[in-house]
Protein backbone atom coordinates (compact mmCIF):
# COMPACT_ATOMS: atom_id res chain seq x y z
CA UNK A 1 -16.97 30.05 29.34
CA UNK A 2 -20.00 30.86 27.19
CA UNK A 3 -23.07 32.87 28.14
CA UNK A 4 -23.49 35.34 31.02
CA UNK A 5 -22.78 34.02 34.51
CA UNK A 6 -24.11 35.75 37.61
CA UNK A 7 -20.65 35.36 39.14
CA UNK A 8 -18.05 34.93 36.36
CA UNK A 9 -15.01 33.02 37.64
CA UNK A 10 -12.12 32.18 35.31
CA UNK A 11 -10.80 28.64 35.02
CA UNK A 12 -7.79 28.14 37.29
CA UNK A 13 -8.94 30.72 39.86
CA UNK A 14 -7.91 29.73 43.40
CA UNK A 15 -10.19 29.99 46.43
CA UNK A 16 -8.59 28.61 49.56
CA UNK A 17 -7.37 25.10 48.71
CA UNK A 18 -9.65 24.83 45.64
CA UNK A 19 -8.93 25.49 41.96
CA UNK A 20 -11.88 26.35 39.73
CA UNK A 21 -12.42 24.11 36.71
CA UNK A 22 -15.38 24.03 34.30
CA UNK A 23 -18.67 25.93 34.90
CA UNK A 24 -21.72 23.89 35.89
CA UNK A 25 -24.70 26.21 36.20
CA UNK A 26 -25.82 29.77 36.87
CA UNK A 27 -28.95 31.62 37.85
CA UNK A 28 -30.30 34.70 39.55
CA UNK A 29 -28.60 34.05 42.90
CA UNK A 30 -25.17 32.76 41.95
CA UNK A 31 -23.03 30.43 39.85
CA UNK A 32 -21.62 26.94 40.36
CA UNK A 33 -18.26 25.61 39.14
CA UNK A 34 -16.48 22.29 39.36
CA UNK A 35 -13.26 22.43 41.37
CA UNK A 36 -10.33 20.29 42.43
CA UNK A 37 -8.47 20.32 45.72
CA UNK A 38 -4.87 21.52 45.51
CA UNK A 39 -3.88 20.91 49.12
CA UNK A 40 -5.22 20.65 52.63
CA UNK A 41 -6.30 17.64 54.70
CA UNK A 42 -6.88 14.32 53.00
CA UNK A 43 -10.29 13.95 54.65
CA UNK A 44 -11.63 16.44 52.11
CA UNK A 45 -12.59 15.11 48.66
CA UNK A 46 -10.39 15.57 45.61
CA UNK A 47 -13.20 17.27 43.72
CA UNK A 48 -16.15 19.45 44.72
CA UNK A 49 -18.69 21.95 43.42
CA UNK A 50 -18.14 25.61 44.35
CA UNK A 51 -21.26 27.73 44.67
CA UNK A 52 -20.29 31.40 44.32
CA UNK A 53 -22.77 33.91 45.79
CA UNK A 54 -22.08 37.65 45.19
CA UNK A 55 -22.24 38.90 48.77
CA UNK A 56 -19.62 41.54 48.05
CA UNK A 57 -21.63 43.47 45.45
CA UNK A 58 -25.17 44.81 45.07
CA UNK A 59 -27.46 47.20 46.87
CA UNK A 60 -27.94 46.94 50.65
CA UNK A 61 -31.42 45.48 50.12
CA UNK A 62 -30.13 42.88 47.65
CA UNK A 63 -27.28 41.93 49.96
CA UNK A 64 -29.58 41.56 52.97
CA UNK A 65 -31.86 39.26 50.99
CA UNK A 66 -28.99 37.17 49.62
CA UNK A 67 -27.36 36.82 53.01
CA UNK A 68 -30.63 35.60 54.50
CA UNK A 69 -30.84 32.88 51.85
CA UNK A 70 -27.23 31.87 52.48
CA UNK A 71 -27.76 31.73 56.24
CA UNK A 72 -30.68 29.36 55.73
CA UNK A 73 -28.71 26.99 53.53
CA UNK A 74 -25.50 27.06 55.55
CA UNK A 75 -27.39 26.69 58.82
CA UNK A 76 -29.11 23.53 57.64
CA UNK A 77 -26.06 21.97 56.01
CA UNK A 78 -23.90 22.55 59.08
CA UNK A 79 -26.42 20.97 61.41
CA UNK A 80 -27.76 18.07 59.34
CA UNK A 81 -25.50 15.30 58.04
CA UNK A 82 -27.88 12.90 56.35
CA UNK A 83 -27.15 10.50 53.47
CA UNK A 84 -29.95 11.92 51.29
CA UNK A 85 -28.89 15.57 51.67
CA UNK A 86 -26.09 17.15 49.66
CA UNK A 87 -23.00 17.63 51.82
CA UNK A 88 -21.24 20.92 52.47
CA UNK A 89 -17.56 20.63 53.29
CA UNK A 90 -16.73 24.25 54.13
CA UNK A 91 -17.61 27.90 53.47
CA UNK A 92 -15.14 30.49 52.20
CA UNK A 93 -15.05 34.23 51.53
CA UNK A 94 -13.19 35.56 48.50
CA UNK A 95 -10.54 38.16 49.38
CA UNK A 96 -9.59 39.73 46.04
CA UNK A 97 -9.70 43.55 45.99
CA UNK A 98 -8.29 43.46 42.45
CA UNK A 99 -11.50 41.88 41.13
CA UNK A 100 -14.57 43.80 42.41
CA UNK A 101 -16.93 41.22 40.90
CA UNK A 102 -15.50 38.48 43.13
CA UNK A 103 -14.22 40.34 46.18
CA UNK A 104 -16.35 39.49 49.21
CA UNK A 105 -18.24 36.67 47.48
CA UNK A 106 -19.35 33.75 49.66
CA UNK A 107 -18.35 30.30 48.40
CA UNK A 108 -20.06 27.10 49.51
CA UNK A 109 -17.92 24.01 48.92
CA UNK A 110 -20.42 21.25 48.16
CA UNK A 111 -20.45 17.58 47.25
CA UNK A 112 -20.10 17.17 43.49
CA UNK A 113 -23.00 15.51 41.71
CA UNK A 114 -23.23 13.84 38.34
CA UNK A 115 -26.52 15.39 37.27
CA UNK A 116 -29.96 16.46 38.35
CA UNK A 117 -33.43 15.02 38.06
CA UNK A 118 -34.28 17.99 35.84
CA UNK A 119 -31.54 16.98 33.41
CA UNK A 120 -32.65 13.36 33.51
CA UNK A 121 -36.26 14.30 32.74
CA UNK A 122 -35.12 16.48 29.85
CA UNK A 123 -33.39 13.44 28.33
CA UNK A 124 -35.99 10.83 29.28
CA UNK A 125 -39.35 12.31 30.39
CA UNK A 126 -40.32 8.95 31.96
CA UNK A 127 -37.06 7.44 33.25
CA UNK A 128 -37.31 3.67 33.89
CA UNK A 129 -35.64 4.14 37.27
CA UNK A 130 -38.34 6.61 38.34
CA UNK A 131 -39.86 4.65 41.27
CA UNK A 132 -36.46 3.97 42.86
CA UNK A 133 -35.42 7.61 42.48
CA UNK A 134 -38.70 8.77 44.03
CA UNK A 135 -38.18 6.47 47.01
CA UNK A 136 -34.86 8.14 47.71
CA UNK A 137 -36.34 11.63 47.29
CA UNK A 138 -39.06 10.72 49.79
CA UNK A 139 -36.43 9.34 52.19
CA UNK A 140 -34.62 12.69 51.98
CA UNK A 141 -37.82 14.56 52.83
CA UNK A 142 -38.39 12.24 55.78
CA UNK A 143 -34.86 12.95 57.04
CA UNK A 144 -35.49 16.69 56.81
CA UNK A 145 -38.87 16.56 58.51
CA UNK A 146 -37.64 14.30 61.33
CA UNK A 147 -34.94 16.87 62.02
CA UNK A 148 -37.55 19.63 62.19
CA UNK A 149 -36.97 21.32 58.82
CA UNK A 150 -39.09 22.05 55.75
CA UNK A 151 -37.39 22.13 52.33
CA UNK A 152 -39.73 24.69 50.81
CA UNK A 153 -38.64 24.35 47.17
CA UNK A 154 -38.68 20.68 46.16
CA UNK A 155 -38.52 20.32 42.35
CA UNK A 156 -36.47 18.34 39.79
CA UNK A 157 -33.65 20.90 39.61
CA UNK A 158 -33.10 20.53 43.36
CA UNK A 159 -32.77 16.74 43.26
CA UNK A 160 -29.17 15.80 42.49
CA UNK A 161 -28.08 12.43 41.09
CA UNK A 162 -24.72 11.02 42.12
CA UNK A 163 -22.44 8.85 40.00
CA UNK A 164 -23.52 5.69 41.85
CA UNK A 165 -27.20 6.36 41.13
CA UNK A 166 -28.07 7.63 44.61
CA UNK A 167 -30.06 10.81 45.21
CA UNK A 168 -29.30 13.96 47.20
CA UNK A 169 -31.68 16.80 47.98
CA UNK A 170 -30.10 20.21 47.42
CA UNK A 171 -30.81 23.97 47.44
CA UNK A 172 -31.78 24.76 51.01
CA UNK A 173 -31.94 28.55 50.78
CA UNK A 174 -35.75 28.32 51.10
CA UNK A 175 -35.52 25.78 53.93
CA UNK A 176 -36.82 26.71 57.34
CA UNK A 177 -36.72 25.22 60.81
CA UNK A 178 -40.09 24.39 62.34
CA UNK A 179 -41.38 26.36 65.30
CA UNK A 180 -44.07 23.99 66.45
CA UNK A 181 -46.22 23.14 63.44
CA UNK A 182 -45.00 25.97 61.19
CA UNK A 183 -41.88 27.55 59.79
CA UNK A 184 -41.31 30.82 57.92
CA UNK A 185 -39.76 31.16 54.47
CA UNK A 186 -39.19 34.03 52.02
CA UNK A 187 -42.02 34.82 49.63
CA UNK A 188 -40.53 32.92 46.71
CA UNK A 189 -41.79 29.71 45.16
CA UNK A 190 -41.95 27.64 42.00
CA UNK A 191 -45.66 27.70 41.03
CA UNK A 192 -45.88 24.15 39.70
CA UNK A 193 -44.77 22.73 43.07
CA UNK A 194 -46.47 25.18 45.44
CA UNK A 195 -49.57 23.93 47.30
CA UNK A 196 -52.71 26.00 46.75
CA UNK A 197 -52.91 27.24 50.35
CA UNK A 198 -49.59 29.05 49.85
CA UNK A 199 -50.66 30.67 46.60
CA UNK A 200 -52.96 33.06 48.49
CA UNK A 201 -51.38 33.05 51.96
CA UNK A 202 -50.48 36.27 53.75
CA UNK A 203 -46.84 37.30 53.87
CA UNK A 204 -45.84 38.69 57.23
CA UNK A 205 -42.71 40.39 58.47
CA UNK A 206 -40.97 37.02 58.88
CA UNK A 207 -42.10 35.75 55.48
CA UNK A 208 -44.67 33.13 54.62
CA UNK A 209 -45.84 30.42 57.03
CA UNK A 210 -45.15 26.93 55.73
CA UNK A 211 -45.72 23.37 56.97
CA UNK A 212 -44.10 20.03 56.05
CA UNK A 213 -47.30 19.30 54.12
CA UNK A 214 -46.07 21.80 51.50
CA UNK A 215 -43.17 19.43 50.73
CA UNK A 216 -45.65 16.53 50.55
CA UNK A 217 -47.67 18.41 47.90
CA UNK A 218 -44.48 19.10 45.93
CA UNK A 219 -43.55 15.42 46.12
CA UNK A 220 -46.93 14.45 44.69
CA UNK A 221 -46.41 16.75 41.71
CA UNK A 222 -42.86 15.46 41.28
CA UNK A 223 -43.97 11.81 41.40
CA UNK A 224 -46.64 12.37 38.75
CA UNK A 225 -44.14 14.16 36.52
CA UNK A 226 -41.46 11.47 36.88
CA UNK A 227 -43.85 8.56 36.28
CA UNK A 228 -45.95 10.03 33.47
CA UNK A 229 -43.99 12.92 31.95
CA UNK A 230 -46.84 15.35 32.69
CA UNK A 231 -48.17 17.54 35.50
CA UNK A 232 -51.21 16.42 37.51
CA UNK A 233 -53.06 19.72 36.96
CA UNK A 234 -54.08 20.93 33.49
CA UNK A 235 -52.52 23.85 31.67
CA UNK A 236 -49.86 24.58 29.10
CA UNK A 237 -47.97 27.10 31.26
CA UNK A 238 -47.03 27.40 34.95
CA UNK A 239 -49.52 30.25 35.31
CA UNK A 240 -52.36 28.14 33.87
CA UNK A 241 -51.47 25.23 36.14
CA UNK A 242 -51.31 27.60 39.14
CA UNK A 243 -54.86 28.78 38.34
CA UNK A 244 -55.95 25.14 38.00
CA UNK A 245 -54.50 24.40 41.46
CA UNK A 246 -56.50 27.27 42.96
CA UNK A 247 -59.68 26.05 41.22
CA UNK A 248 -59.04 22.53 42.47
CA UNK A 249 -58.55 23.72 46.05
CA UNK A 250 -61.83 25.66 45.88
CA UNK A 251 -63.69 22.61 44.64
CA UNK A 252 -64.47 23.93 41.16
CA UNK A 253 -62.06 21.59 39.34
CA UNK A 254 -60.69 18.07 39.76
CA UNK A 255 -57.29 16.42 39.58
CA UNK A 256 -56.64 14.97 36.14
CA UNK A 257 -54.17 12.20 36.78
CA UNK A 258 -52.66 10.55 33.73
CA UNK A 259 -54.16 7.13 32.89
CA UNK A 260 -50.69 5.58 32.66
CA UNK A 261 -49.97 6.36 36.33
CA UNK A 262 -49.70 2.93 38.05
CA UNK A 263 -52.44 2.22 40.60
CA UNK A 264 -50.22 2.20 43.74
CA UNK A 265 -48.72 5.53 42.70
CA UNK A 266 -52.16 6.92 41.83
CA UNK A 267 -53.17 6.47 45.46
CA UNK A 268 -49.91 8.02 46.64
CA UNK A 269 -50.28 11.08 44.41
CA UNK A 270 -53.88 11.58 45.50
CA UNK A 271 -52.83 11.35 49.16
CA UNK A 272 -50.23 14.09 48.53
CA UNK A 273 -52.42 16.39 46.43
CA UNK A 274 -55.38 16.91 48.73
CA UNK A 275 -57.30 20.17 48.64
CA UNK A 276 -56.31 21.10 52.19
CA UNK A 277 -53.04 20.60 54.02
CA UNK A 278 -54.79 18.90 56.93
CA UNK A 279 -55.95 16.02 54.72
CA UNK A 280 -52.51 15.34 53.27
CA UNK A 281 -50.64 12.16 54.14
CA UNK A 282 -47.93 12.51 56.79
CA UNK A 283 -44.31 12.13 55.73
CA UNK A 284 -43.62 8.85 57.55
CA UNK A 285 -46.76 7.20 56.22
CA UNK A 286 -45.90 8.54 52.76
CA UNK A 287 -42.43 7.03 52.97
CA UNK A 288 -43.83 3.60 53.85
CA UNK A 289 -46.24 3.72 50.92
CA UNK A 290 -43.60 4.95 48.48
CA UNK A 291 -41.07 2.28 49.51
CA UNK A 292 -43.74 -0.41 49.10
CA UNK A 293 -44.72 0.87 45.65
CA UNK A 294 -41.08 1.23 44.58
CA UNK A 295 -39.88 -2.09 45.99
CA UNK A 296 -37.90 -0.56 48.91
CA UNK A 297 -36.37 2.28 46.91
CA UNK A 298 -33.27 0.48 45.65
CA UNK A 299 -30.69 3.00 44.37
CA UNK A 300 -30.97 3.22 40.61
CA UNK A 301 -28.10 3.35 38.14
CA UNK A 302 -28.21 6.43 36.00
CA UNK A 303 -29.03 5.46 32.41
CA UNK A 304 -25.92 7.09 30.96
CA UNK A 305 -23.50 5.29 33.29
CA UNK A 306 -22.04 1.86 32.51
CA UNK A 307 -22.84 -1.07 34.79
CA UNK A 308 -20.11 -1.56 37.38
CA UNK A 309 -17.61 -4.35 37.05
CA UNK A 310 -18.75 -7.63 38.57
CA UNK A 311 -15.65 -7.91 40.70
CA UNK A 312 -14.34 -4.78 42.38
CA UNK A 313 -10.61 -4.31 42.98
CA UNK A 314 -10.84 -3.44 46.67
CA UNK A 315 -10.74 -5.41 49.89
CA UNK A 316 -12.86 -5.11 53.00
CA UNK A 317 -11.11 -5.51 56.35
CA UNK A 318 -12.43 -4.67 59.78
CA UNK A 319 -8.97 -4.02 61.27
CA UNK A 320 -6.52 -2.97 58.60
CA UNK A 321 -6.49 -0.17 56.08
CA UNK A 322 -8.12 -0.94 52.72
CA UNK A 323 -6.30 -0.67 49.41
CA UNK A 324 -7.48 2.16 47.19
CA UNK A 325 -10.22 1.37 44.66
CA UNK A 326 -9.78 2.14 40.97
CA UNK A 327 -12.11 4.06 38.70
CA UNK A 328 -12.23 7.53 37.24
CA UNK A 329 -14.71 10.12 38.50
CA UNK A 330 -17.49 11.11 36.15
CA UNK A 331 -17.56 14.83 35.27
CA UNK A 332 -20.35 17.04 36.55
CA UNK A 333 -22.62 18.27 33.79
CA UNK A 334 -25.99 19.35 35.17
CA UNK A 335 -27.96 21.92 37.14
CA UNK A 336 -29.26 21.39 40.63
CA UNK A 337 -27.25 23.39 43.17
CA UNK A 338 -29.92 25.97 43.86
CA UNK A 339 -28.94 28.73 41.46
CA UNK A 340 -31.89 28.57 39.07
CA UNK A 341 -34.17 31.58 38.69
CA UNK A 342 -37.36 31.58 40.79
CA UNK A 343 -40.76 33.25 40.44
CA UNK A 344 -42.28 35.25 42.79
CA UNK A 345 -51.03 16.37 60.24
CA UNK A 346 -50.49 13.24 62.06
CA UNK A 347 -49.11 10.23 60.24
CA UNK A 348 -51.52 7.36 59.78
CA UNK A 349 -50.53 3.76 60.23
CA UNK A 350 -52.43 2.28 57.34
CA UNK A 351 -51.78 2.72 53.64
CA UNK A 352 -54.28 2.65 50.80
CA UNK A 353 -55.39 -0.68 49.41
CA UNK A 354 -53.20 -0.36 46.35
CA UNK A 355 -50.12 0.29 48.51
CA UNK A 356 -50.90 -2.83 50.50
CA UNK A 357 -51.27 -4.67 47.21
CA UNK A 358 -47.77 -3.57 46.26
CA UNK A 359 -46.58 -4.92 49.59
CA UNK A 360 -48.14 -8.30 48.79
CA UNK A 361 -46.22 -8.33 45.52
CA UNK A 362 -43.02 -7.56 47.45
CA UNK A 363 -43.70 -10.49 49.79
CA UNK A 364 -43.58 -12.94 46.88
CA UNK A 365 -40.74 -11.34 44.93
CA UNK A 366 -38.04 -13.86 43.98
CA UNK A 367 -39.99 -16.77 45.48
CA UNK A 368 -38.16 -19.29 43.27
CA UNK A 369 -34.84 -18.27 44.86
CA UNK A 370 -35.75 -17.13 48.39
CA UNK A 371 -38.43 -18.75 50.55
CA UNK A 372 -41.44 -16.58 51.33
CA UNK A 373 -42.52 -18.36 54.52
CA UNK A 374 -39.45 -18.11 56.72
CA UNK A 375 -39.46 -14.52 57.96
CA UNK A 376 -37.37 -12.56 55.44
CA UNK A 377 -38.98 -9.08 55.66
CA UNK A 378 -40.92 -8.20 52.53
CA UNK A 379 -39.40 -4.73 52.53
CA UNK A 380 -35.96 -6.19 51.74
CA UNK A 381 -36.79 -9.05 49.37
CA UNK A 382 -36.34 -7.14 46.10
CA UNK A 383 -33.15 -5.53 47.38
CA UNK A 384 -31.70 -8.90 48.47
CA UNK A 385 -32.59 -10.73 45.26
CA UNK A 386 -31.39 -7.96 42.94
CA UNK A 387 -28.16 -7.53 44.91
CA UNK A 388 -27.40 -11.23 44.41
CA UNK A 389 -28.21 -10.94 40.70
CA UNK A 390 -25.62 -8.17 40.38
CA UNK A 391 -22.88 -10.70 41.12
CA UNK A 392 -21.78 -13.21 38.51
CA UNK A 393 -20.51 -15.71 41.12
CA UNK A 394 -23.08 -18.49 41.60
CA UNK A 395 -22.27 -18.83 45.31
CA UNK A 396 -23.48 -15.30 46.10
CA UNK A 397 -27.18 -16.09 46.31
CA UNK A 398 -30.29 -14.42 47.78
CA UNK A 399 -30.48 -17.00 50.62
CA UNK A 400 -26.84 -16.30 51.52
CA UNK A 401 -27.38 -12.55 51.72
CA UNK A 402 -30.64 -13.00 53.66
CA UNK A 403 -29.01 -15.45 56.08
CA UNK A 404 -26.11 -13.10 56.72
CA UNK A 405 -28.43 -10.14 57.33
CA UNK A 406 -30.39 -12.26 59.79
CA UNK A 407 -27.25 -13.22 61.70
CA UNK A 408 -25.60 -9.79 61.49
CA UNK A 409 -28.57 -7.72 62.67
CA UNK A 410 -31.80 -9.73 62.72
CA UNK A 411 -32.81 -7.45 59.81
CA UNK A 412 -32.63 -4.37 62.05
CA UNK A 413 -31.89 -1.34 59.81
CA UNK A 414 -31.22 0.84 62.88
CA UNK A 415 -28.69 -1.41 64.58
CA UNK A 416 -25.97 0.53 66.37
CA UNK A 417 -23.01 -1.16 68.06
CA UNK A 418 -20.65 1.70 69.01
CA UNK A 419 -18.33 -0.63 70.91
CA UNK A 420 -17.48 -2.37 67.63
CA UNK A 421 -18.14 0.73 65.51
CA UNK A 422 -20.66 -1.22 63.39
CA UNK A 423 -24.02 0.08 62.20
CA UNK A 424 -27.06 -0.79 60.15
CA UNK A 425 -28.58 -3.96 58.77
CA UNK A 426 -25.22 -5.31 57.51
CA UNK A 427 -23.13 -4.04 60.48
CA UNK A 428 -20.82 -1.84 58.44
CA UNK A 429 -17.87 0.02 59.92
CA UNK A 430 -17.95 3.59 58.51
CA UNK A 431 -14.34 3.68 57.34
CA UNK A 432 -14.80 0.35 55.57
CA UNK A 433 -18.19 1.07 54.02
CA UNK A 434 -16.76 4.01 52.08
CA UNK A 435 -14.86 1.52 49.88
CA UNK A 436 -17.98 -0.44 48.93
CA UNK A 437 -20.83 2.04 48.99
CA UNK A 438 -20.55 3.16 45.34
CA UNK A 439 -21.77 0.88 42.56
CA UNK A 440 -19.11 2.12 40.12
CA UNK A 441 -16.25 0.83 42.30
CA UNK A 442 -14.92 4.23 43.39
CA UNK A 443 -14.57 4.91 47.12
CA UNK A 444 -16.66 7.59 48.77
CA UNK A 445 -14.57 10.73 49.14
CA UNK A 446 -15.62 11.12 52.77
CA UNK A 447 -16.35 8.53 55.44
CA UNK A 448 -20.14 7.97 55.54
CA UNK A 449 -21.92 8.67 58.80
CA UNK A 450 -24.51 6.36 60.41
CA UNK A 451 -27.33 5.54 60.05
CA UNK A 452 -26.69 3.46 56.92
CA UNK A 453 -29.97 2.75 55.10
CA UNK A 454 -30.58 -0.78 53.78
CA UNK A 455 -30.69 0.56 50.21
CA UNK A 456 -26.97 1.36 50.60
CA UNK A 457 -25.87 -1.30 53.09
CA UNK A 458 -27.24 -4.39 51.33
CA UNK A 459 -25.81 -3.69 47.83
CA UNK A 460 -22.48 -2.85 49.47
CA UNK A 461 -22.55 -6.24 51.20
CA UNK A 462 -23.23 -7.93 47.86
CA UNK A 463 -20.33 -6.15 46.16
CA UNK A 464 -17.95 -7.23 48.88
CA UNK A 465 -19.15 -10.86 48.86
CA UNK A 466 -18.73 -10.91 45.08
CA UNK A 467 -15.15 -9.74 45.50
CA UNK A 468 -14.42 -12.33 48.22
CA UNK A 469 -15.79 -15.41 46.43
CA UNK A 470 -13.05 -15.98 43.78
CA UNK A 471 -10.29 -15.23 46.31
CA UNK A 472 -11.06 -18.18 48.54
CA UNK A 473 -8.88 -21.23 47.92
CA UNK A 474 -10.50 -23.93 45.76
CA UNK A 475 -9.69 -26.83 48.10
CA UNK A 476 -11.32 -25.51 51.30
CA UNK A 477 -13.73 -28.00 52.95
CA UNK A 478 -17.37 -27.21 53.61
CA UNK A 479 -20.15 -25.15 52.02
CA UNK A 480 -18.51 -22.44 49.98
CA UNK A 481 -21.30 -20.00 50.76
CA UNK A 482 -20.65 -20.37 54.48
CA UNK A 483 -16.93 -19.81 53.85
CA UNK A 484 -17.78 -16.55 52.03
CA UNK A 485 -19.80 -15.46 55.07
CA UNK A 486 -16.92 -16.28 57.39
CA UNK A 487 -14.60 -14.22 55.21
CA UNK A 488 -17.04 -11.30 55.45
CA UNK A 489 -16.69 -11.50 59.22
CA UNK A 490 -12.88 -11.75 59.07
CA UNK A 491 -11.12 -11.70 55.67
CA UNK A 492 -10.49 -14.15 52.84
CA UNK A 493 -6.83 -14.41 53.94
CA UNK A 494 -7.92 -15.48 57.42
CA UNK A 495 -10.19 -18.20 56.01
CA UNK A 496 -7.53 -19.42 53.57
CA UNK A 497 -4.87 -19.51 56.29
CA UNK A 498 -7.18 -21.44 58.64
CA UNK A 499 -8.01 -23.98 55.93
CA UNK A 500 -11.72 -23.29 56.43
CA UNK A 501 -13.88 -21.44 58.93
CA UNK A 502 -11.59 -20.00 61.65
CA UNK A 503 -12.36 -21.34 65.16
CA UNK A 504 -13.24 -17.82 66.34
CA UNK A 505 -16.04 -17.59 63.78
CA UNK A 506 -17.51 -21.12 63.89
CA UNK A 507 -20.55 -20.09 65.90
CA UNK A 508 -21.25 -17.30 63.44
CA UNK A 509 -20.79 -19.65 60.48
CA UNK A 510 -23.09 -22.27 62.04
CA UNK A 511 -25.87 -19.69 62.41
CA UNK A 512 -25.44 -18.56 58.79
CA UNK A 513 -25.58 -22.22 57.67
CA UNK A 514 -28.80 -22.72 59.63
CA UNK A 515 -30.59 -19.77 58.04
CA UNK A 516 -29.08 -20.49 54.64
CA UNK A 517 -30.83 -23.86 54.71
CA UNK A 518 -34.03 -22.32 56.06
CA UNK A 519 -34.24 -19.58 53.40
CA UNK A 520 -33.35 -21.77 50.38
CA UNK A 521 -36.40 -23.13 48.50
CA UNK A 522 -36.71 -26.92 48.12
CA UNK A 523 -34.89 -28.10 45.02
CA UNK A 524 -32.31 -25.30 45.27
CA UNK A 525 -30.29 -26.76 48.15
């Protein structure tokens, strides 16, 4: 290990069932290390990130402060299990009297990420996948706010990027649960992402009062930074930009948005960065506008990861166990677990004109391949078309995916069928979805929990269809696309053994065939 670590832990050190591997990051409040599981139940992942917090050393005042931060993070992670929030598997306490630096330390066992948005911006100040990443960040904020929590410290270092290109929000030691319209957080903040009303707010015995609108302001700053490589307020230092934010809030200065900021995003950023919290866009309305501007927020592949194989070596079955997928895990090499040093309204229904313009563009996306006048929701068009493009098999087409989504759920992203244990727009079973959810072909290390957002469900459907297609016998009668759909509902073995669509699934196949014809443009049938 090189450089000073707040909590130095040697490689090979054992904590519970975990063995410490390489260091990941350190800061004022703790240190993070990669780890591998050496035993214990198989429902835990093989690898994780261990966040060591020195609760066994320090002055009583330091320990009280640190324990408060830990209680906030652990409390949220234990109660909220959302797909856009980093997962915590367990908490441990080090019992090692022989090493005073580690004895009594608290260890959070967290989901292991592949990088952070801060690391991505350092390598590519304007990443091409920026809009899709922002859509997932906004979805994470919406999940938090719906559950009654405020993040309180949204910034690039606290946005983690997973190996499959999906996003997780992390570092919840500033998070707070709402008590009506407000929550209370410690008097810490990152100036560039702090709304002006908090820069001069009073700090009471319980800390500083904060609203969800503070996260909305931070998102506006983040969006401008990701899309332009610059901050929306002038100044060469955080202190100068903080002063500019105060001047802007008092009406003596203006926002100076970069000219290269696309028009739909310009309206979004302005709606986030209003002078007063009461004028800021609500989180749900913000999410709708962001998803429209981003084209539904399709998960983006990280630029340093290879494209996944066209055909994945796993099998989807609704009844039997699934064979293990192949693929090596990518090593963690970035910040983002909340150890970096810190310095001390109603939702509207309508979006701005530019956001509605982006929606119009979404309505016509892929018109040459998927009809625009037959009821395929605009919100899913880009996702459907791009998912089909990710498969090299010519029978996996946008109309096929759209037809199957129509029959499976009537495009309902919130479908829940507990009797069949199927959820979401593609009716996934949780234990099966884990084998198809990652774009790199590796299974999820834990079984995902509903709800399953379309941005995860639809690409997973495409990956499975692409795997099915070449495994169907060549001499089967009928439309091969309909046979692929029937195999999705059963298995390719079942379809091959039946010599076509199995009798049990003929009604399903007939409905898919109907919508397949309806969604296919003339000349493509």
